[in-house]
Amino acid sequence: MDIPFYIASFLLAALILVSIAESDRLVRLVKPKPKKVASGSWGVYTGVSAEKSVGTVEVKPLPGRQKVIGGSITYAAGRGVKMNGG
């Protein structure tokens, strides 16, 4: 009487474990990741001349203060990072 319950419980636990451990693979099977075209991609669009400019993009700095991670400037300059805050 208990054996079917144990088998069903084991199968359910295994199914939950696999669905948690392999969730990214299972989601990829159901819904494939859309392809994105980066700004550095090269290609030719149908109906558009390869020599023709399709437009320009204006780049503006973000409003407000820019967050600088502490020590990143000194680390990039090769001086190391002081952990005591000084």
PDB file of N, CA and C in Angstrom:
ATOM      1  N   MET A   1       0.816  -1.186   0.000  1.00  0.00           N
ATOM      2  CA  MET A   1       0.000   0.000   0.000  1.00  0.00           C
ATOM      3  C   MET A   1       0.868   1.262   0.000  1.00  0.00           C
ATOM      4  N   ASP A   2       1.950   1.219   0.704  1.00  0.00           N
ATOM      5  CA  ASP A   2       2.827   2.392   0.777  1.00  0.00           C
ATOM      6  C   ASP A   2       3.740   2.526  -0.431  1.00  0.00           C
ATOM      7  N   ILE A   3       3.992   1.456  -1.141  1.00  0.00           N
ATOM      8  CA  ILE A   3       4.947   1.494  -2.259  1.00  0.00           C
ATOM      9  C   ILE A   3       4.492   2.431  -3.366  1.00  0.00           C
ATOM     10  N   PRO A   4       3.237   2.417  -3.818  1.00  0.00           N
ATOM     11  CA  PRO A   4       2.833   3.391  -4.839  1.00  0.00           C
ATOM     12  C   PRO A   4       2.985   4.838  -4.375  1.00  0.00           C
ATOM     13  N   PHE A   5       2.709   5.103  -3.096  1.00  0.00           N
ATOM     14  CA  PHE A   5       2.874   6.453  -2.563  1.00  0.00           C
ATOM     15  C   PHE A   5       4.336   6.875  -2.608  1.00  0.00           C
ATOM     16  N   TYR A   6       5.241   5.988  -2.206  1.00  0.00           N
ATOM     17  CA  TYR A   6       6.676   6.306  -2.221  1.00  0.00           C
ATOM     18  C   TYR A   6       7.184   6.519  -3.649  1.00  0.00           C
ATOM     19  N   ILE A   7       6.709   5.701  -4.580  1.00  0.00           N
ATOM     20  CA  ILE A   7       7.138   5.845  -5.979  1.00  0.00           C
ATOM     21  C   ILE A   7       6.636   7.176  -6.537  1.00  0.00           C
ATOM     22  N   ALA A   8       5.368   7.492  -6.274  1.00  0.00           N
ATOM     23  CA  ALA A   8       4.812   8.765  -6.760  1.00  0.00           C
ATOM     24  C   ALA A   8       5.527   9.951  -6.109  1.00  0.00           C
ATOM     25  N   SER A   9       5.822   9.854  -4.824  1.00  0.00           N
ATOM     26  CA  SER A   9       6.533  10.930  -4.129  1.00  0.00           C
ATOM     27  C   SER A   9       7.938  11.113  -4.684  1.00  0.00           C
ATOM     28  N   PHE A  10       8.633  10.000  -4.943  1.00  0.00           N
ATOM     29  CA  PHE A  10       9.983  10.074  -5.499  1.00  0.00           C
ATOM     30  C   PHE A  10       9.961  10.695  -6.890  1.00  0.00           C
ATOM     31  N   LEU A  11       9.012  10.297  -7.730  1.00  0.00           N
ATOM     32  CA  LEU A  11       8.926  10.848  -9.079  1.00  0.00           C
ATOM     33  C   LEU A  11       8.595  12.346  -9.040  1.00  0.00           C
ATOM     34  N   LEU A  12       7.698  12.742  -8.149  1.00  0.00           N
ATOM     35  CA  LEU A  12       7.358  14.155  -8.026  1.00  0.00           C
ATOM     36  C   LEU A  12       8.554  14.960  -7.519  1.00  0.00           C
ATOM     37  N   ALA A  13       9.274  14.431  -6.534  1.00  0.00           N
ATOM     38  CA  ALA A  13      10.461  15.125  -6.020  1.00  0.00           C
ATOM     39  C   ALA A  13      11.529  15.235  -7.091  1.00  0.00           C
ATOM     40  N   ALA A  14      11.733  14.170  -7.878  1.00  0.00           N
ATOM     41  CA  ALA A  14      12.723  14.201  -8.952  1.00  0.00           C
ATOM     42  C   ALA A  14      12.316  15.206 -10.026  1.00  0.00           C
ATOM     43  N   LEU A  15      11.035  15.278 -10.346  1.00  0.00           N
ATOM     44  CA  LEU A  15      10.546  16.230 -11.335  1.00  0.00           C
ATOM     45  C   LEU A  15      10.758  17.675 -10.858  1.00  0.00           C
ATOM     46  N   ILE A  16      10.471  17.944  -9.601  1.00  0.00           N
ATOM     47  CA  ILE A  16      10.686  19.286  -9.053  1.00  0.00           C
ATOM     48  C   ILE A  16      12.169  19.626  -9.042  1.00  0.00           C
ATOM     49  N   LEU A  17      13.009  18.685  -8.644  1.00  0.00           N
ATOM     50  CA  LEU A  17      14.452  18.922  -8.605  1.00  0.00           C
ATOM     51  C   LEU A  17      15.008  19.218  -9.995  1.00  0.00           C
ATOM     52  N   VAL A  18      14.602  18.444 -10.989  1.00  0.00           N
ATOM     53  CA  VAL A  18      15.084  18.660 -12.357  1.00  0.00           C
ATOM     54  C   VAL A  18      14.561  19.988 -12.896  1.00  0.00           C
ATOM     55  N   SER A  19      13.317  20.329 -12.601  1.00  0.00           N
ATOM     56  CA  SER A  19      12.775  21.591 -13.118  1.00  0.00           C
ATOM     57  C   SER A  19      13.459  22.796 -12.490  1.00  0.00           C
ATOM     58  N   ILE A  20      13.909  22.692 -11.243  1.00  0.00           N
ATOM     59  CA  ILE A  20      14.635  23.791 -10.622  1.00  0.00           C
ATOM     60  C   ILE A  20      16.069  23.838 -11.131  1.00  0.00           C
ATOM     61  N   ALA A  21      16.722  22.690 -11.201  1.00  0.00           N
ATOM     62  CA  ALA A  21      18.131  22.648 -11.594  1.00  0.00           C
ATOM     63  C   ALA A  21      18.338  22.993 -13.065  1.00  0.00           C
ATOM     64  N   GLU A  22      17.418  22.618 -13.904  1.00  0.00           N
ATOM     65  CA  GLU A  22      17.576  22.817 -15.347  1.00  0.00           C
ATOM     66  C   GLU A  22      16.544  23.801 -15.887  1.00  0.00           C
ATOM     67  N   SER A  23      16.158  24.795 -15.085  1.00  0.00           N
ATOM     68  CA  SER A  23      15.092  25.703 -15.501  1.00  0.00           C
ATOM     69  C   SER A  23      15.469  26.509 -16.740  1.00  0.00           C
ATOM     70  N   ASP A  24      16.743  26.924 -16.847  1.00  0.00           N
ATOM     71  CA  ASP A  24      17.126  27.717 -18.023  1.00  0.00           C
ATOM     72  C   ASP A  24      17.034  26.896 -19.296  1.00  0.00           C
ATOM     73  N   ARG A  25      17.388  25.646 -19.248  1.00  0.00           N
ATOM     74  CA  ARG A  25      17.277  24.792 -20.449  1.00  0.00           C
ATOM     75  C   ARG A  25      15.825  24.504 -20.801  1.00  0.00           C
ATOM     76  N   LEU A  26      14.998  24.292 -19.778  1.00  0.00           N
ATOM     77  CA  LEU A  26      13.588  24.007 -20.046  1.00  0.00           C
ATOM     78  C   LEU A  26      12.877  25.224 -20.621  1.00  0.00           C
ATOM     79  N   VAL A  27      13.188  26.411 -20.112  1.00  0.00           N
ATOM     80  CA  VAL A  27      12.569  27.626 -20.630  1.00  0.00           C
ATOM     81  C   VAL A  27      13.019  27.874 -22.065  1.00  0.00           C
ATOM     82  N   ARG A  28      14.289  27.582 -22.359  1.00  0.00           N
ATOM     83  CA  ARG A  28      14.802  27.771 -23.711  1.00  0.00           C
ATOM     84  C   ARG A  28      14.092  26.858 -24.709  1.00  0.00           C
ATOM     85  N   LEU A  29      13.668  25.676 -24.261  1.00  0.00           N
ATOM     86  CA  LEU A  29      12.926  24.779 -25.154  1.00  0.00           C
ATOM     87  C   LEU A  29      11.527  25.322 -25.438  1.00  0.00           C
ATOM     88  N   VAL A  30      10.894  25.890 -24.425  1.00  0.00           N
ATOM     89  CA  VAL A  30       9.535  26.393 -24.576  1.00  0.00           C
ATOM     90  C   VAL A  30       9.533  27.726 -25.315  1.00  0.00           C
ATOM     91  N   LYS A  31      10.414  28.640 -24.884  1.00  0.00           N
ATOM     92  CA  LYS A  31      10.452  29.980 -25.474  1.00  0.00           C
ATOM     93  C   LYS A  31      11.890  30.296 -25.852  1.00  0.00           C
ATOM     94  N   PRO A  32      12.260  30.137 -27.120  1.00  0.00           N
ATOM     95  CA  PRO A  32      13.635  30.425 -27.528  1.00  0.00           C
ATOM     96  C   PRO A  32      13.992  31.891 -27.315  1.00  0.00           C
ATOM     97  N   LYS A  33      15.258  32.140 -26.996  1.00  0.00           N
ATOM     98  CA  LYS A  33      15.729  33.497 -26.764  1.00  0.00           C
ATOM     99  C   LYS A  33      15.706  34.261 -28.084  1.00  0.00           C
ATOM    100  N   PRO A  34      15.120  35.464 -28.089  1.00  0.00           N
ATOM    101  CA  PRO A  34      15.083  36.233 -29.337  1.00  0.00           C
ATOM    102  C   PRO A  34      16.476  36.709 -29.724  1.00  0.00           C
ATOM    103  N   LYS A  35      16.697  36.772 -31.008  1.00  0.00           N
ATOM    104  CA  LYS A  35      17.982  37.251 -31.503  1.00  0.00           C
ATOM    105  C   LYS A  35      17.980  38.769 -31.484  1.00  0.00           C
ATOM    106  N   LYS A  36      19.049  39.336 -30.955  1.00  0.00           N
ATOM    107  CA  LYS A  36      19.171  40.785 -30.906  1.00  0.00           C
ATOM    108  C   LYS A  36      20.303  41.212 -31.821  1.00  0.00           C
ATOM    109  N   VAL A  37      20.111  42.321 -32.469  1.00  0.00           N
ATOM    110  CA  VAL A  37      21.132  42.875 -33.344  1.00  0.00           C
ATOM    111  C   VAL A  37      21.814  43.992 -32.583  1.00  0.00           C
ATOM    112  N   ALA A  38      23.109  43.862 -32.406  1.00  0.00           N
ATOM    113  CA  ALA A  38      23.863  44.883 -31.695  1.00  0.00           C
ATOM    114  C   ALA A  38      24.172  46.046 -32.621  1.00  0.00           C
ATOM    115  N   SER A  39      24.574  47.171 -32.014  1.00  0.00           N
ATOM    116  CA  SER A  39      24.863  48.351 -32.822  1.00  0.00           C
ATOM    117  C   SER A  39      26.108  48.154 -33.673  1.00  0.00           C
ATOM    118  N   GLY A  40      26.975  47.210 -33.296  1.00  0.00           N
ATOM    119  CA  GLY A  40      28.184  46.969 -34.077  1.00  0.00           C
ATOM    120  C   GLY A  40      28.010  45.903 -35.142  1.00  0.00           C
ATOM    121  N   SER A  41      26.791  45.406 -35.336  1.00  0.00           N
ATOM    122  CA  SER A  41      26.573  44.347 -36.325  1.00  0.00           C
ATOM    123  C   SER A  41      26.650  44.906 -37.736  1.00  0.00           C
ATOM    124  N   TRP A  42      27.192  44.099 -38.603  1.00  0.00           N
ATOM    125  CA  TRP A  42      27.303  44.472 -40.010  1.00  0.00           C
ATOM    126  C   TRP A  42      26.254  43.702 -40.787  1.00  0.00           C
ATOM    127  N   GLY A  43      25.719  44.327 -41.806  1.00  0.00           N
ATOM    128  CA  GLY A  43      24.748  43.633 -42.635  1.00  0.00           C
ATOM    129  C   GLY A  43      24.131  44.567 -43.646  1.00  0.00           C
ATOM    130  N   VAL A  44      23.393  43.997 -44.570  1.00  0.00           N
ATOM    131  CA  VAL A  44      22.715  44.769 -45.596  1.00  0.00           C
ATOM    132  C   VAL A  44      21.231  44.435 -45.503  1.00  0.00           C
ATOM    133  N   TYR A  45      20.413  45.468 -45.449  1.00  0.00           N
ATOM    134  CA  TYR A  45      18.977  45.278 -45.406  1.00  0.00           C
ATOM    135  C   TYR A  45      18.422  45.328 -46.818  1.00  0.00           C
ATOM    136  N   THR A  46      17.400  44.532 -47.067  1.00  0.00           N
ATOM    137  CA  THR A  46      16.787  44.526 -48.387  1.00  0.00           C
ATOM    138  C   THR A  46      16.100  45.854 -48.637  1.00  0.00           C
ATOM    139  N   GLY A  47      16.300  46.404 -49.819  1.00  0.00           N
ATOM    140  CA  GLY A  47      15.686  47.667 -50.185  1.00  0.00           C
ATOM    141  C   GLY A  47      16.470  48.888 -49.746  1.00  0.00           C
ATOM    142  N   VAL A  48      17.607  48.712 -49.073  1.00  0.00           N
ATOM    143  CA  VAL A  48      18.418  49.839 -48.612  1.00  0.00           C
ATOM    144  C   VAL A  48      19.805  49.694 -49.218  1.00  0.00           C
ATOM    145  N   SER A  49      20.274  50.768 -49.795  1.00  0.00           N
ATOM    146  CA  SER A  49      21.608  50.754 -50.376  1.00  0.00           C
ATOM    147  C   SER A  49      22.649  50.630 -49.269  1.00  0.00           C
ATOM    148  N   ALA A  50      23.700  49.863 -49.529  1.00  0.00           N
ATOM    149  CA  ALA A  50      24.755  49.681 -48.540  1.00  0.00           C
ATOM    150  C   ALA A  50      25.554  50.953 -48.333  1.00  0.00           C
ATOM    151  N   GLU A  51      25.518  51.859 -49.282  1.00  0.00           N
ATOM    152  CA  GLU A  51      26.267  53.108 -49.185  1.00  0.00           C
ATOM    153  C   GLU A  51      25.477  54.210 -48.483  1.00  0.00           C
ATOM    154  N   LYS A  52      24.162  54.048 -48.396  1.00  0.00           N
ATOM    155  CA  LYS A  52      23.305  55.096 -47.853  1.00  0.00           C
ATOM    156  C   LYS A  52      23.325  55.077 -46.321  1.00  0.00           C
ATOM    157  N   SER A  53      23.400  56.257 -45.713  1.00  0.00           N
ATOM    158  CA  SER A  53      23.340  56.381 -44.258  1.00  0.00           C
ATOM    159  C   SER A  53      21.885  56.308 -43.820  1.00  0.00           C
ATOM    160  N   VAL A  54      21.609  55.514 -42.797  1.00  0.00           N
ATOM    161  CA  VAL A  54      20.230  55.356 -42.343  1.00  0.00           C
ATOM    162  C   VAL A  54      19.883  56.311 -41.208  1.00  0.00           C
ATOM    163  N   GLY A  55      20.837  57.084 -40.732  1.00  0.00           N
ATOM    164  CA  GLY A  55      20.534  58.065 -39.699  1.00  0.00           C
ATOM    165  C   GLY A  55      21.662  58.182 -38.689  1.00  0.00           C
ATOM    166  N   THR A  56      21.466  59.081 -37.738  1.00  0.00           N
ATOM    167  CA  THR A  56      22.450  59.302 -36.693  1.00  0.00           C
ATOM    168  C   THR A  56      21.792  59.125 -35.337  1.00  0.00           C
ATOM    169  N   VAL A  57      22.605  58.909 -34.345  1.00  0.00           N
ATOM    170  CA  VAL A  57      22.113  58.747 -32.986  1.00  0.00           C
ATOM    171  C   VAL A  57      22.810  59.768 -32.109  1.00  0.00           C
ATOM    172  N   GLU A  58      22.010  60.541 -31.363  1.00  0.00           N
ATOM    173  CA  GLU A  58      22.582  61.527 -30.452  1.00  0.00           C
ATOM    174  C   GLU A  58      22.734  60.884 -29.079  1.00  0.00           C
ATOM    175  N   VAL A  59      23.922  61.006 -28.504  1.00  0.00           N
ATOM    176  CA  VAL A  59      24.201  60.416 -27.202  1.00  0.00           C
ATOM    177  C   VAL A  59      24.266  61.530 -26.173  1.00  0.00           C
ATOM    178  N   LYS A  60      23.447  61.392 -25.120  1.00  0.00           N
ATOM    179  CA  LYS A  60      23.413  62.389 -24.059  1.00  0.00           C
ATOM    180  C   LYS A  60      23.876  61.739 -22.754  1.00  0.00           C
ATOM    181  N   PRO A  61      24.589  62.487 -21.911  1.00  0.00           N
ATOM    182  CA  PRO A  61      24.959  61.926 -20.612  1.00  0.00           C
ATOM    183  C   PRO A  61      23.731  61.763 -19.724  1.00  0.00           C
ATOM    184  N   LEU A  62      23.796  60.817 -18.815  1.00  0.00           N
ATOM    185  CA  LEU A  62      22.687  60.588 -17.905  1.00  0.00           C
ATOM    186  C   LEU A  62      22.525  61.772 -16.959  1.00  0.00           C
ATOM    187  N   PRO A  63      21.300  62.127 -16.619  1.00  0.00           N
ATOM    188  CA  PRO A  63      21.101  63.248 -15.696  1.00  0.00           C
ATOM    189  C   PRO A  63      21.527  62.869 -14.280  1.00  0.00           C
ATOM    190  N   GLY A  64      21.928  63.863 -13.510  1.00  0.00           N
ATOM    191  CA  GLY A  64      22.310  63.620 -12.124  1.00  0.00           C
ATOM    192  C   GLY A  64      23.769  63.224 -12.002  1.00  0.00           C
ATOM    193  N   ARG A  65      24.142  62.883 -10.774  1.00  0.00           N
ATOM    194  CA  ARG A  65      25.531  62.499 -10.514  1.00  0.00           C
ATOM    195  C   ARG A  65      25.809  61.104 -11.032  1.00  0.00           C
ATOM    196  N   GLN A  66      27.010  60.910 -11.502  1.00  0.00           N
ATOM    197  CA  GLN A  66      27.429  59.597 -11.945  1.00  0.00           C
ATOM    198  C   GLN A  66      28.042  58.860 -10.758  1.00  0.00           C
ATOM    199  N   LYS A  67      27.667  57.637 -10.547  1.00  0.00           N
ATOM    200  CA  LYS A  67      28.188  56.852  -9.432  1.00  0.00           C
ATOM    201  C   LYS A  67      29.551  56.293  -9.819  1.00  0.00           C
ATOM    202  N   VAL A  68      30.521  56.532  -8.988  1.00  0.00           N
ATOM    203  CA  VAL A  68      31.866  56.000  -9.203  1.00  0.00           C
ATOM    204  C   VAL A  68      32.135  54.998  -8.103  1.00  0.00           C
ATOM    205  N   ILE A  69      32.500  53.802  -8.498  1.00  0.00           N
ATOM    206  CA  ILE A  69      32.796  52.767  -7.521  1.00  0.00           C
ATOM    207  C   ILE A  69      34.126  53.095  -6.864  1.00  0.00           C
ATOM    208  N   GLY A  70      34.134  53.096  -5.544  1.00  0.00           N
ATOM    209  CA  GLY A  70      35.311  53.490  -4.792  1.00  0.00           C
ATOM    210  C   GLY A  70      36.532  52.656  -5.127  1.00  0.00           C
ATOM    211  N   GLY A  71      37.626  53.304  -5.463  1.00  0.00           N
ATOM    212  CA  GLY A  71      38.866  52.617  -5.755  1.00  0.00           C
ATOM    213  C   GLY A  71      39.060  52.266  -7.213  1.00  0.00           C
ATOM    214  N   SER A  72      38.030  52.438  -8.039  1.00  0.00           N
ATOM    215  CA  SER A  72      38.160  52.027  -9.435  1.00  0.00           C
ATOM    216  C   SER A  72      39.164  52.897 -10.183  1.00  0.00           C
ATOM    217  N   ILE A  73      39.214  54.181  -9.851  1.00  0.00           N
ATOM    218  CA  ILE A  73      40.129  55.085 -10.552  1.00  0.00           C
ATOM    219  C   ILE A  73      41.572  54.786 -10.155  1.00  0.00           C
ATOM    220  N   THR A  74      41.821  54.597  -8.850  1.00  0.00           N
ATOM    221  CA  THR A  74      43.194  54.293  -8.416  1.00  0.00           C
ATOM    222  C   THR A  74      43.630  52.917  -8.884  1.00  0.00           C
ATOM    223  N   TYR A  75      42.695  51.964  -8.915  1.00  0.00           N
ATOM    224  CA  TYR A  75      43.036  50.622  -9.393  1.00  0.00           C
ATOM    225  C   TYR A  75      43.398  50.658 -10.879  1.00  0.00           C
ATOM    226  N   ALA A  76      42.634  51.435 -11.658  1.00  0.00           N
ATOM    227  CA  ALA A  76      42.915  51.546 -13.088  1.00  0.00           C
ATOM    228  C   ALA A  76      44.247  52.246 -13.329  1.00  0.00           C
ATOM    229  N   ALA A  77      44.634  53.145 -12.406  1.00  0.00           N
ATOM    230  CA  ALA A  77      45.913  53.846 -12.548  1.00  0.00           C
ATOM    231  C   ALA A  77      47.086  53.001 -12.072  1.00  0.00           C
ATOM    232  N   GLY A  78      46.813  51.820 -11.508  1.00  0.00           N
ATOM    233  CA  GLY A  78      47.874  50.927 -11.089  1.00  0.00           C
ATOM    234  C   GLY A  78      48.387  51.178  -9.676  1.00  0.00           C
ATOM    235  N   ARG A  79      47.634  51.948  -8.879  1.00  0.00           N
ATOM    236  CA  ARG A  79      48.072  52.261  -7.519  1.00  0.00           C
ATOM    237  C   ARG A  79      47.447  51.361  -6.472  1.00  0.00           C
ATOM    238  N   GLY A  80      46.546  50.497  -6.838  1.00  0.00           N
ATOM    239  CA  GLY A  80      45.904  49.614  -5.867  1.00  0.00           C
ATOM    240  C   GLY A  80      44.738  50.281  -5.180  1.00  0.00           C
ATOM    241  N   VAL A  81      44.071  49.520  -4.335  1.00  0.00           N
ATOM    242  CA  VAL A  81      42.895  50.009  -3.645  1.00  0.00           C
ATOM    243  C   VAL A  81      43.151  49.889  -2.145  1.00  0.00           C
ATOM    244  N   LYS A  82      42.925  50.974  -1.393  1.00  0.00           N
ATOM    245  CA  LYS A  82      43.075  50.943   0.067  1.00  0.00           C
ATOM    246  C   LYS A  82      41.753  50.489   0.669  1.00  0.00           C
ATOM    247  N   MET A  83      41.786  49.452   1.458  1.00  0.00           N
ATOM    248  CA  MET A  83      40.570  48.888   2.024  1.00  0.00           C
ATOM    249  C   MET A  83      40.113  49.631   3.270  1.00  0.00           C
ATOM    250  N   ASN A  84      40.953  50.492   3.861  1.00  0.00           N
ATOM    251  CA  ASN A  84      40.574  51.187   5.098  1.00  0.00           C
ATOM    252  C   ASN A  84      39.806  52.479   4.826  1.00  0.00           C
ATOM    253  N   GLY A  85      39.534  52.784   3.577  1.00  0.00           N
ATOM    254  CA  GLY A  85      38.747  53.946   3.232  1.00  0.00           C
ATOM    255  C   GLY A  85      39.536  55.238   3.135  1.00  0.00           C
ATOM    256  N   GLY A  86      40.815  55.193   3.403  1.00  0.00           N
ATOM    257  CA  GLY A  86      41.593  56.419   3.386  1.00  0.00           C
ATOM    258  C   GLY A  86      42.386  56.638   2.150  1.00  0.00           C
TER     259      GLY A  86
END
